[in-house]
Amino acid sequence: MTLDRSVLAFAGIMVLLSVALTAWVSPYFVWFTVFIGANLLQSAFTGFCPAASLFRKLGIKPGCAF
C-alpha cells in the first residue's frame, strides 16, 4: 500500500470512528470529527499532513500525492 492510500484509509477510519463515538458515547466527540475535517482541509492547501509524516517514518513507500 502506498503512502497516499494509507493516509486516505487512515482518514476514513478516523472519521467513521469519530462519528461512532459521537453517536454512542458523547455528542462532544463531534469536535474530533471537526478536527479531522480541519486537518484534511489544511493539508489540501499546505501539503503538510501529520499522518503522512508518521507513515513515511514507518517506512511506507510514497505515492503520487505526498
N, C-alpha and C. Protein backbone atom coordinates (compact mmCIF):
# COMPACT_ATOMS: atom_id res chain seq x y z
N MET A 1 0.85 -1.17 0.00
CA MET A 1 0.00 0.00 0.00
C MET A 1 0.90 1.24 0.00
N THR A 2 0.55 2.20 -0.82
CA THR A 2 1.35 3.41 -0.90
C THR A 2 0.97 4.39 0.21
N LEU A 3 1.76 5.41 0.35
CA LEU A 3 1.53 6.44 1.36
C LEU A 3 0.19 7.13 1.13
N ASP A 4 -0.12 7.41 -0.13
CA ASP A 4 -1.38 8.10 -0.45
C ASP A 4 -2.58 7.30 0.05
N ARG A 5 -2.59 6.04 -0.30
CA ARG A 5 -3.72 5.20 0.07
C ARG A 5 -3.77 4.97 1.58
N SER A 6 -2.62 4.89 2.21
CA SER A 6 -2.57 4.72 3.67
C SER A 6 -3.18 5.92 4.38
N VAL A 7 -2.84 7.11 3.92
CA VAL A 7 -3.38 8.33 4.54
C VAL A 7 -4.88 8.41 4.33
N LEU A 8 -5.34 8.10 3.12
CA LEU A 8 -6.79 8.14 2.86
C LEU A 8 -7.54 7.10 3.69
N ALA A 9 -6.98 5.91 3.80
CA ALA A 9 -7.61 4.87 4.62
C ALA A 9 -7.65 5.28 6.09
N PHE A 10 -6.55 5.84 6.58
CA PHE A 10 -6.49 6.28 7.97
C PHE A 10 -7.51 7.39 8.23
N ALA A 11 -7.61 8.35 7.31
CA ALA A 11 -8.57 9.44 7.47
C ALA A 11 -10.00 8.90 7.48
N GLY A 12 -10.29 7.97 6.61
CA GLY A 12 -11.63 7.38 6.58
C GLY A 12 -11.97 6.63 7.86
N ILE A 13 -11.01 5.87 8.36
CA ILE A 13 -11.23 5.14 9.62
C ILE A 13 -11.46 6.12 10.77
N MET A 14 -10.66 7.19 10.81
CA MET A 14 -10.81 8.16 11.90
C MET A 14 -12.15 8.88 11.84
N VAL A 15 -12.62 9.21 10.64
CA VAL A 15 -13.92 9.86 10.50
C VAL A 15 -15.03 8.92 10.98
N LEU A 16 -14.99 7.66 10.53
CA LEU A 16 -16.01 6.71 10.95
C LEU A 16 -15.96 6.46 12.46
N LEU A 17 -14.76 6.39 13.02
CA LEU A 17 -14.61 6.21 14.46
C LEU A 17 -15.18 7.40 15.22
N SER A 18 -14.90 8.60 14.75
CA SER A 18 -15.38 9.79 15.46
C SER A 18 -16.90 9.91 15.37
N VAL A 19 -17.48 9.52 14.24
CA VAL A 19 -18.94 9.55 14.12
C VAL A 19 -19.57 8.51 15.05
N ALA A 20 -18.96 7.33 15.12
CA ALA A 20 -19.48 6.30 16.03
C ALA A 20 -19.38 6.74 17.49
N LEU A 21 -18.25 7.35 17.86
CA LEU A 21 -18.10 7.85 19.23
C LEU A 21 -19.11 8.95 19.53
N THR A 22 -19.39 9.79 18.55
CA THR A 22 -20.38 10.85 18.72
C THR A 22 -21.76 10.26 18.95
N ALA A 23 -22.09 9.24 18.19
CA ALA A 23 -23.43 8.64 18.28
C ALA A 23 -23.61 7.82 19.55
N TRP A 24 -22.57 7.08 19.94
CA TRP A 24 -22.77 6.11 21.02
C TRP A 24 -22.15 6.49 22.36
N VAL A 25 -21.24 7.45 22.39
CA VAL A 25 -20.58 7.78 23.65
C VAL A 25 -20.98 9.16 24.15
N SER A 26 -20.66 10.19 23.36
CA SER A 26 -20.94 11.55 23.79
C SER A 26 -21.03 12.45 22.57
N PRO A 27 -21.97 13.38 22.58
CA PRO A 27 -22.06 14.31 21.46
C PRO A 27 -20.83 15.23 21.35
N TYR A 28 -20.05 15.32 22.39
CA TYR A 28 -18.85 16.16 22.35
C TYR A 28 -17.77 15.60 21.44
N PHE A 29 -17.87 14.32 21.07
CA PHE A 29 -16.90 13.75 20.14
C PHE A 29 -17.07 14.33 18.74
N VAL A 30 -18.11 15.12 18.52
CA VAL A 30 -18.25 15.79 17.23
C VAL A 30 -17.06 16.72 16.98
N TRP A 31 -16.43 17.20 18.05
CA TRP A 31 -15.26 18.06 17.89
C TRP A 31 -14.07 17.29 17.34
N PHE A 32 -14.03 15.99 17.60
CA PHE A 32 -13.00 15.15 16.99
C PHE A 32 -13.20 15.08 15.48
N THR A 33 -14.46 14.97 15.06
CA THR A 33 -14.78 14.98 13.63
C THR A 33 -14.42 16.31 13.01
N VAL A 34 -14.70 17.39 13.70
CA VAL A 34 -14.34 18.73 13.21
C VAL A 34 -12.82 18.86 13.07
N PHE A 35 -12.08 18.36 14.04
CA PHE A 35 -10.62 18.41 13.98
C PHE A 35 -10.09 17.64 12.77
N ILE A 36 -10.65 16.46 12.52
CA ILE A 36 -10.22 15.66 11.38
C ILE A 36 -10.50 16.39 10.07
N GLY A 37 -11.69 16.97 9.95
CA GLY A 37 -12.04 17.72 8.75
C GLY A 37 -11.15 18.93 8.54
N ALA A 38 -10.86 19.65 9.62
CA ALA A 38 -9.98 20.82 9.52
C ALA A 38 -8.56 20.41 9.12
N ASN A 39 -8.09 19.29 9.64
CA ASN A 39 -6.77 18.79 9.29
C ASN A 39 -6.72 18.39 7.81
N LEU A 40 -7.76 17.75 7.32
CA LEU A 40 -7.82 17.39 5.90
C LEU A 40 -7.83 18.63 5.02
N LEU A 41 -8.57 19.64 5.44
CA LEU A 41 -8.65 20.87 4.67
C LEU A 41 -7.31 21.60 4.64
N GLN A 42 -6.65 21.73 5.79
CA GLN A 42 -5.37 22.44 5.80
C GLN A 42 -4.32 21.67 5.03
N SER A 43 -4.36 20.34 5.05
CA SER A 43 -3.36 19.58 4.29
C SER A 43 -3.58 19.71 2.78
N ALA A 44 -4.82 19.96 2.37
CA ALA A 44 -5.09 20.18 0.95
C ALA A 44 -4.44 21.48 0.47
N PHE A 45 -4.39 22.48 1.33
CA PHE A 45 -3.83 23.78 0.94
C PHE A 45 -2.34 23.89 1.20
N THR A 46 -1.87 23.31 2.29
CA THR A 46 -0.46 23.47 2.65
C THR A 46 0.42 22.33 2.18
N GLY A 47 -0.16 21.16 1.98
CA GLY A 47 0.62 20.00 1.60
C GLY A 47 1.24 19.27 2.78
N PHE A 48 1.05 19.79 3.99
CA PHE A 48 1.60 19.16 5.19
C PHE A 48 0.52 18.29 5.83
N CYS A 49 0.83 17.02 6.01
CA CYS A 49 -0.09 16.09 6.65
C CYS A 49 0.66 15.33 7.74
N PRO A 50 0.28 15.49 8.99
CA PRO A 50 0.97 14.79 10.07
C PRO A 50 0.92 13.27 9.91
N ALA A 51 -0.20 12.74 9.45
CA ALA A 51 -0.29 11.29 9.26
C ALA A 51 0.68 10.82 8.18
N ALA A 52 0.83 11.59 7.11
CA ALA A 52 1.77 11.23 6.05
C ALA A 52 3.20 11.24 6.58
N SER A 53 3.52 12.20 7.43
CA SER A 53 4.87 12.25 8.02
C SER A 53 5.12 11.02 8.89
N LEU A 54 4.12 10.62 9.67
CA LEU A 54 4.24 9.46 10.54
C LEU A 54 4.38 8.18 9.71
N PHE A 55 3.53 8.03 8.72
CA PHE A 55 3.60 6.83 7.88
C PHE A 55 4.91 6.76 7.11
N ARG A 56 5.43 7.90 6.68
CA ARG A 56 6.71 7.93 5.98
C ARG A 56 7.82 7.44 6.91
N LYS A 57 7.78 7.85 8.18
CA LYS A 57 8.78 7.40 9.15
C LYS A 57 8.66 5.91 9.43
N LEU A 58 7.44 5.37 9.27
CA LEU A 58 7.23 3.94 9.49
C LEU A 58 7.67 3.11 8.28
N GLY A 59 8.07 3.78 7.21
CA GLY A 59 8.63 3.07 6.07
C GLY A 59 7.67 2.78 4.93
N ILE A 60 6.51 3.41 4.92
CA ILE A 60 5.58 3.20 3.83
C ILE A 60 6.06 3.97 2.62
N LYS A 61 6.04 3.32 1.48
CA LYS A 61 6.57 3.92 0.25
C LYS A 61 5.68 5.06 -0.23
N PRO A 62 6.28 6.16 -0.67
CA PRO A 62 5.47 7.29 -1.14
C PRO A 62 4.75 6.98 -2.44
N GLY A 63 3.62 7.68 -2.61
CA GLY A 63 2.85 7.56 -3.84
C GLY A 63 2.96 8.85 -4.63
N CYS A 64 1.90 9.22 -5.30
CA CYS A 64 1.92 10.41 -6.17
C CYS A 64 1.63 11.71 -5.42
N ALA A 65 0.70 11.69 -4.49
CA ALA A 65 0.23 12.93 -3.87
C ALA A 65 1.16 13.44 -2.78
N PHE A 66 1.76 12.56 -2.00
CA PHE A 66 2.56 13.01 -0.88
C PHE A 66 4.02 12.81 -1.18
